[in-house]
């Protein structure tokens, strides 16, 4: 990671209110909002995405509700693309 990239990432986190700079130092601390968001996203990943993605990506699994919904969504998007002639 370059110094410019690190500065950019810290600035974006600060502007979104996820971290604050400790006065008089080059250090940052996580805000309450940032901590709640980090915990929420960790829970979403652990409870939904990890299992859900494995259901979607493993072709050997039996069709699950999430897989059926994704297939329906994919077919609807494909039909819309064909209808509007978006495929070259």
N, C-alpha and C. Protein backbone atom coordinates (compact mmCIF):
# COMPACT_ATOMS: atom_id res chain seq x y z
N UNK A 1 0.85 -1.17 0.00
CA UNK A 1 0.00 0.00 0.00
C UNK A 1 0.90 1.24 0.00
N UNK A 2 0.62 2.13 -0.88
CA UNK A 2 1.42 3.35 -0.97
C UNK A 2 0.94 4.39 0.03
N UNK A 3 1.78 5.37 0.27
CA UNK A 3 1.41 6.42 1.21
C UNK A 3 0.20 7.21 0.70
N UNK A 4 0.14 7.45 -0.59
CA UNK A 4 -1.01 8.16 -1.16
C UNK A 4 -2.30 7.39 -0.99
N UNK A 5 -2.24 6.09 -1.21
CA UNK A 5 -3.43 5.25 -1.06
C UNK A 5 -3.89 5.22 0.39
N UNK A 6 -2.93 5.13 1.31
CA UNK A 6 -3.26 5.13 2.73
C UNK A 6 -3.92 6.44 3.13
N UNK A 7 -3.39 7.55 2.65
CA UNK A 7 -3.99 8.86 2.96
C UNK A 7 -5.41 8.95 2.41
N UNK A 8 -5.60 8.46 1.19
CA UNK A 8 -6.92 8.48 0.57
C UNK A 8 -7.91 7.65 1.39
N UNK A 9 -7.51 6.42 1.75
CA UNK A 9 -8.40 5.55 2.52
C UNK A 9 -8.75 6.14 3.88
N UNK A 10 -7.75 6.70 4.58
CA UNK A 10 -8.02 7.32 5.88
C UNK A 10 -8.96 8.52 5.73
N UNK A 11 -8.75 9.31 4.70
CA UNK A 11 -9.62 10.48 4.48
C UNK A 11 -11.06 10.03 4.22
N UNK A 12 -11.24 8.99 3.41
CA UNK A 12 -12.60 8.50 3.12
C UNK A 12 -13.26 7.97 4.39
N UNK A 13 -12.53 7.21 5.20
CA UNK A 13 -13.09 6.70 6.45
C UNK A 13 -13.46 7.83 7.39
N UNK A 14 -12.61 8.87 7.43
CA UNK A 14 -12.88 10.02 8.31
C UNK A 14 -14.10 10.80 7.81
N UNK A 15 -14.20 11.01 6.51
CA UNK A 15 -15.33 11.77 5.96
C UNK A 15 -16.66 11.03 6.14
N UNK A 16 -16.61 9.72 6.19
CA UNK A 16 -17.83 8.93 6.42
C UNK A 16 -18.13 8.77 7.91
N UNK A 17 -17.30 9.34 8.76
CA UNK A 17 -17.55 9.30 10.19
C UNK A 17 -17.22 7.97 10.86
N UNK A 18 -16.38 7.17 10.21
CA UNK A 18 -16.04 5.86 10.77
C UNK A 18 -14.83 5.92 11.69
N UNK A 19 -13.96 6.91 11.47
CA UNK A 19 -12.79 7.11 12.33
C UNK A 19 -12.65 8.60 12.62
N UNK A 20 -11.93 8.93 13.70
CA UNK A 20 -11.59 10.32 14.01
C UNK A 20 -10.10 10.37 14.33
N UNK A 21 -9.49 11.50 14.03
CA UNK A 21 -8.07 11.67 14.30
C UNK A 21 -7.88 12.10 15.74
N UNK A 22 -6.89 11.54 16.40
CA UNK A 22 -6.54 11.93 17.76
C UNK A 22 -5.71 13.20 17.65
N UNK A 23 -6.18 14.28 18.30
CA UNK A 23 -5.51 15.57 18.18
C UNK A 23 -4.04 15.49 18.58
N UNK A 24 -3.21 16.16 17.80
CA UNK A 24 -1.78 16.24 18.09
C UNK A 24 -0.98 15.00 17.75
N UNK A 25 -1.60 14.03 17.09
CA UNK A 25 -0.88 12.80 16.73
C UNK A 25 -1.21 12.45 15.28
N UNK A 26 -0.59 11.41 14.80
CA UNK A 26 -0.90 10.85 13.47
C UNK A 26 -1.72 9.58 13.62
N UNK A 27 -2.45 9.47 14.73
CA UNK A 27 -3.21 8.28 15.03
C UNK A 27 -4.70 8.55 14.89
N UNK A 28 -5.45 7.47 14.67
CA UNK A 28 -6.90 7.54 14.51
C UNK A 28 -7.54 6.57 15.48
N UNK A 29 -8.82 6.83 15.78
CA UNK A 29 -9.60 5.91 16.61
C UNK A 29 -10.94 5.67 15.91
N UNK A 30 -11.50 4.51 16.17
CA UNK A 30 -12.79 4.15 15.56
C UNK A 30 -13.91 4.83 16.33
N UNK A 31 -14.86 5.41 15.60
CA UNK A 31 -16.01 6.04 16.24
C UNK A 31 -17.02 4.97 16.65
N UNK A 32 -17.99 5.36 17.46
CA UNK A 32 -19.06 4.42 17.84
C UNK A 32 -19.81 3.93 16.61
N UNK A 33 -20.10 4.87 15.70
CA UNK A 33 -20.78 4.51 14.45
C UNK A 33 -19.94 3.52 13.64
N UNK A 34 -18.63 3.78 13.55
CA UNK A 34 -17.73 2.89 12.80
C UNK A 34 -17.67 1.51 13.41
N UNK A 35 -17.66 1.44 14.72
CA UNK A 35 -17.62 0.14 15.40
C UNK A 35 -18.91 -0.63 15.19
N UNK A 36 -20.05 0.06 15.32
CA UNK A 36 -21.34 -0.60 15.09
C UNK A 36 -21.44 -1.12 13.65
N UNK A 37 -20.97 -0.31 12.70
CA UNK A 37 -21.02 -0.73 11.30
C UNK A 37 -20.10 -1.92 11.05
N UNK A 38 -18.92 -1.92 11.65
CA UNK A 38 -18.00 -3.04 11.49
C UNK A 38 -18.59 -4.32 12.07
N UNK A 39 -19.22 -4.23 13.22
CA UNK A 39 -19.84 -5.40 13.84
C UNK A 39 -21.00 -5.90 12.98
N UNK A 40 -21.82 -4.98 12.48
CA UNK A 40 -22.95 -5.35 11.64
C UNK A 40 -22.48 -6.06 10.37
N UNK A 41 -21.49 -5.50 9.70
CA UNK A 41 -21.01 -6.10 8.46
C UNK A 41 -20.35 -7.46 8.71
N UNK A 42 -19.68 -7.60 9.84
CA UNK A 42 -19.09 -8.89 10.19
C UNK A 42 -20.18 -9.93 10.41
N UNK A 43 -21.25 -9.53 11.10
CA UNK A 43 -22.37 -10.46 11.33
C UNK A 43 -23.06 -10.83 10.02
N UNK A 44 -23.26 -9.85 9.15
CA UNK A 44 -23.88 -10.14 7.85
C UNK A 44 -23.03 -11.14 7.09
N UNK A 45 -21.73 -10.92 7.08
CA UNK A 45 -20.85 -11.85 6.37
C UNK A 45 -20.91 -13.25 6.97
N UNK A 46 -20.80 -13.33 8.28
CA UNK A 46 -20.77 -14.64 8.93
C UNK A 46 -22.10 -15.38 8.83
N UNK A 47 -23.21 -14.67 8.93
CA UNK A 47 -24.52 -15.33 8.97
C UNK A 47 -25.14 -15.52 7.60
N UNK A 48 -24.90 -14.60 6.67
CA UNK A 48 -25.58 -14.67 5.38
C UNK A 48 -24.65 -14.98 4.22
N UNK A 49 -23.63 -14.19 4.07
CA UNK A 49 -22.82 -14.29 2.87
C UNK A 49 -22.01 -15.57 2.78
N UNK A 50 -21.39 -15.97 3.87
CA UNK A 50 -20.54 -17.16 3.82
C UNK A 50 -21.34 -18.39 3.38
N UNK A 51 -22.46 -18.64 4.02
CA UNK A 51 -23.30 -19.80 3.65
C UNK A 51 -24.01 -19.58 2.33
N UNK A 52 -24.52 -18.37 2.13
CA UNK A 52 -25.26 -18.08 0.91
C UNK A 52 -24.38 -18.19 -0.32
N UNK A 53 -23.16 -17.66 -0.25
CA UNK A 53 -22.27 -17.74 -1.40
C UNK A 53 -21.84 -19.18 -1.67
N UNK A 54 -21.64 -19.95 -0.62
CA UNK A 54 -21.26 -21.35 -0.85
C UNK A 54 -22.41 -22.09 -1.52
N UNK A 55 -23.65 -21.77 -1.16
CA UNK A 55 -24.81 -22.39 -1.82
C UNK A 55 -24.88 -22.00 -3.29
N UNK A 56 -24.53 -20.77 -3.59
CA UNK A 56 -24.61 -20.29 -4.96
C UNK A 56 -23.46 -20.80 -5.83
N UNK A 57 -22.28 -20.89 -5.27
CA UNK A 57 -21.10 -21.18 -6.07
C UNK A 57 -20.80 -22.67 -6.20
N UNK A 58 -21.34 -23.51 -5.36
CA UNK A 58 -21.06 -24.94 -5.43
C UNK A 58 -22.11 -25.61 -6.31
N UNK A 59 -21.71 -26.04 -7.51
CA UNK A 59 -22.70 -26.64 -8.42
C UNK A 59 -23.20 -28.01 -7.94
N UNK A 60 -22.51 -28.63 -7.00
CA UNK A 60 -22.91 -29.96 -6.55
C UNK A 60 -24.03 -29.91 -5.52
N UNK A 61 -24.31 -28.73 -4.96
CA UNK A 61 -25.35 -28.66 -3.94
C UNK A 61 -26.74 -28.76 -4.57
N UNK A 62 -27.67 -29.23 -3.78
CA UNK A 62 -29.05 -29.29 -4.26
C UNK A 62 -29.60 -27.87 -4.31
N UNK A 63 -30.56 -27.61 -5.19
CA UNK A 63 -31.10 -26.25 -5.29
C UNK A 63 -31.68 -25.77 -3.96
N UNK A 64 -31.22 -24.63 -3.52
CA UNK A 64 -31.70 -24.01 -2.30
C UNK A 64 -32.58 -22.83 -2.68
N UNK A 65 -33.35 -22.30 -1.74
CA UNK A 65 -34.19 -21.14 -2.07
C UNK A 65 -33.38 -19.97 -2.63
N UNK A 66 -32.22 -19.70 -2.06
CA UNK A 66 -31.43 -18.57 -2.56
C UNK A 66 -30.93 -18.84 -3.99
N UNK A 67 -30.61 -20.10 -4.27
CA UNK A 67 -30.16 -20.45 -5.62
C UNK A 67 -31.29 -20.30 -6.62
N UNK A 68 -32.49 -20.72 -6.23
CA UNK A 68 -33.64 -20.58 -7.13
C UNK A 68 -33.95 -19.11 -7.40
N UNK A 69 -33.85 -18.26 -6.37
CA UNK A 69 -34.09 -16.84 -6.55
C UNK A 69 -33.04 -16.21 -7.47
N UNK A 70 -31.79 -16.61 -7.28
CA UNK A 70 -30.73 -16.08 -8.15
C UNK A 70 -30.95 -16.51 -9.59
N UNK A 71 -31.35 -17.76 -9.79
CA UNK A 71 -31.61 -18.24 -11.16
C UNK A 71 -32.76 -17.46 -11.80
N UNK A 72 -33.83 -17.20 -11.03
CA UNK A 72 -34.95 -16.42 -11.55
C UNK A 72 -34.50 -15.01 -11.90
N UNK A 73 -33.69 -14.41 -11.03
CA UNK A 73 -33.18 -13.06 -11.28
C UNK A 73 -32.30 -13.03 -12.53
N UNK A 74 -31.43 -14.03 -12.67
CA UNK A 74 -30.55 -14.10 -13.84
C UNK A 74 -31.36 -14.22 -15.12
N UNK A 75 -32.38 -15.06 -15.10
CA UNK A 75 -33.23 -15.21 -16.29
C UNK A 75 -33.97 -13.91 -16.60
N UNK A 76 -34.45 -13.21 -15.59
CA UNK A 76 -35.15 -11.94 -15.81
C UNK A 76 -34.20 -10.89 -16.40
N UNK A 77 -32.99 -10.83 -15.91
CA UNK A 77 -32.01 -9.87 -16.45
C UNK A 77 -31.68 -10.23 -17.90
N UNK A 78 -31.46 -11.50 -18.16
CA UNK A 78 -31.17 -11.93 -19.53
C UNK A 78 -32.32 -11.60 -20.48
N UNK A 79 -33.55 -11.82 -20.04
CA UNK A 79 -34.71 -11.49 -20.88
C UNK A 79 -34.80 -9.99 -21.14
N UNK A 80 -34.52 -9.19 -20.12
CA UNK A 80 -34.54 -7.75 -20.29
C UNK A 80 -33.47 -7.29 -21.27
N UNK A 81 -32.29 -7.89 -21.21
CA UNK A 81 -31.20 -7.55 -22.12
C UNK A 81 -31.60 -7.90 -23.55
N UNK A 82 -32.18 -9.09 -23.74
CA UNK A 82 -32.63 -9.48 -25.08
C UNK A 82 -33.73 -8.57 -25.59
N UNK A 83 -34.68 -8.22 -24.72
CA UNK A 83 -35.80 -7.36 -25.11
C UNK A 83 -35.32 -5.99 -25.59
N UNK A 84 -34.32 -5.45 -24.92
CA UNK A 84 -33.84 -4.12 -25.28
C UNK A 84 -32.64 -4.16 -26.22
N UNK A 85 -32.33 -5.36 -26.71
CA UNK A 85 -31.25 -5.56 -27.67
C UNK A 85 -29.93 -4.95 -27.18
N UNK A 86 -29.58 -5.23 -25.93
CA UNK A 86 -28.35 -4.71 -25.36
C UNK A 86 -27.15 -5.58 -25.65
N UNK A 87 -27.39 -6.79 -26.17
CA UNK A 87 -26.28 -7.67 -26.51
C UNK A 87 -25.84 -7.34 -27.93
N UNK A 88 -24.56 -7.14 -28.10
CA UNK A 88 -24.04 -6.78 -29.43
C UNK A 88 -23.99 -8.00 -30.32
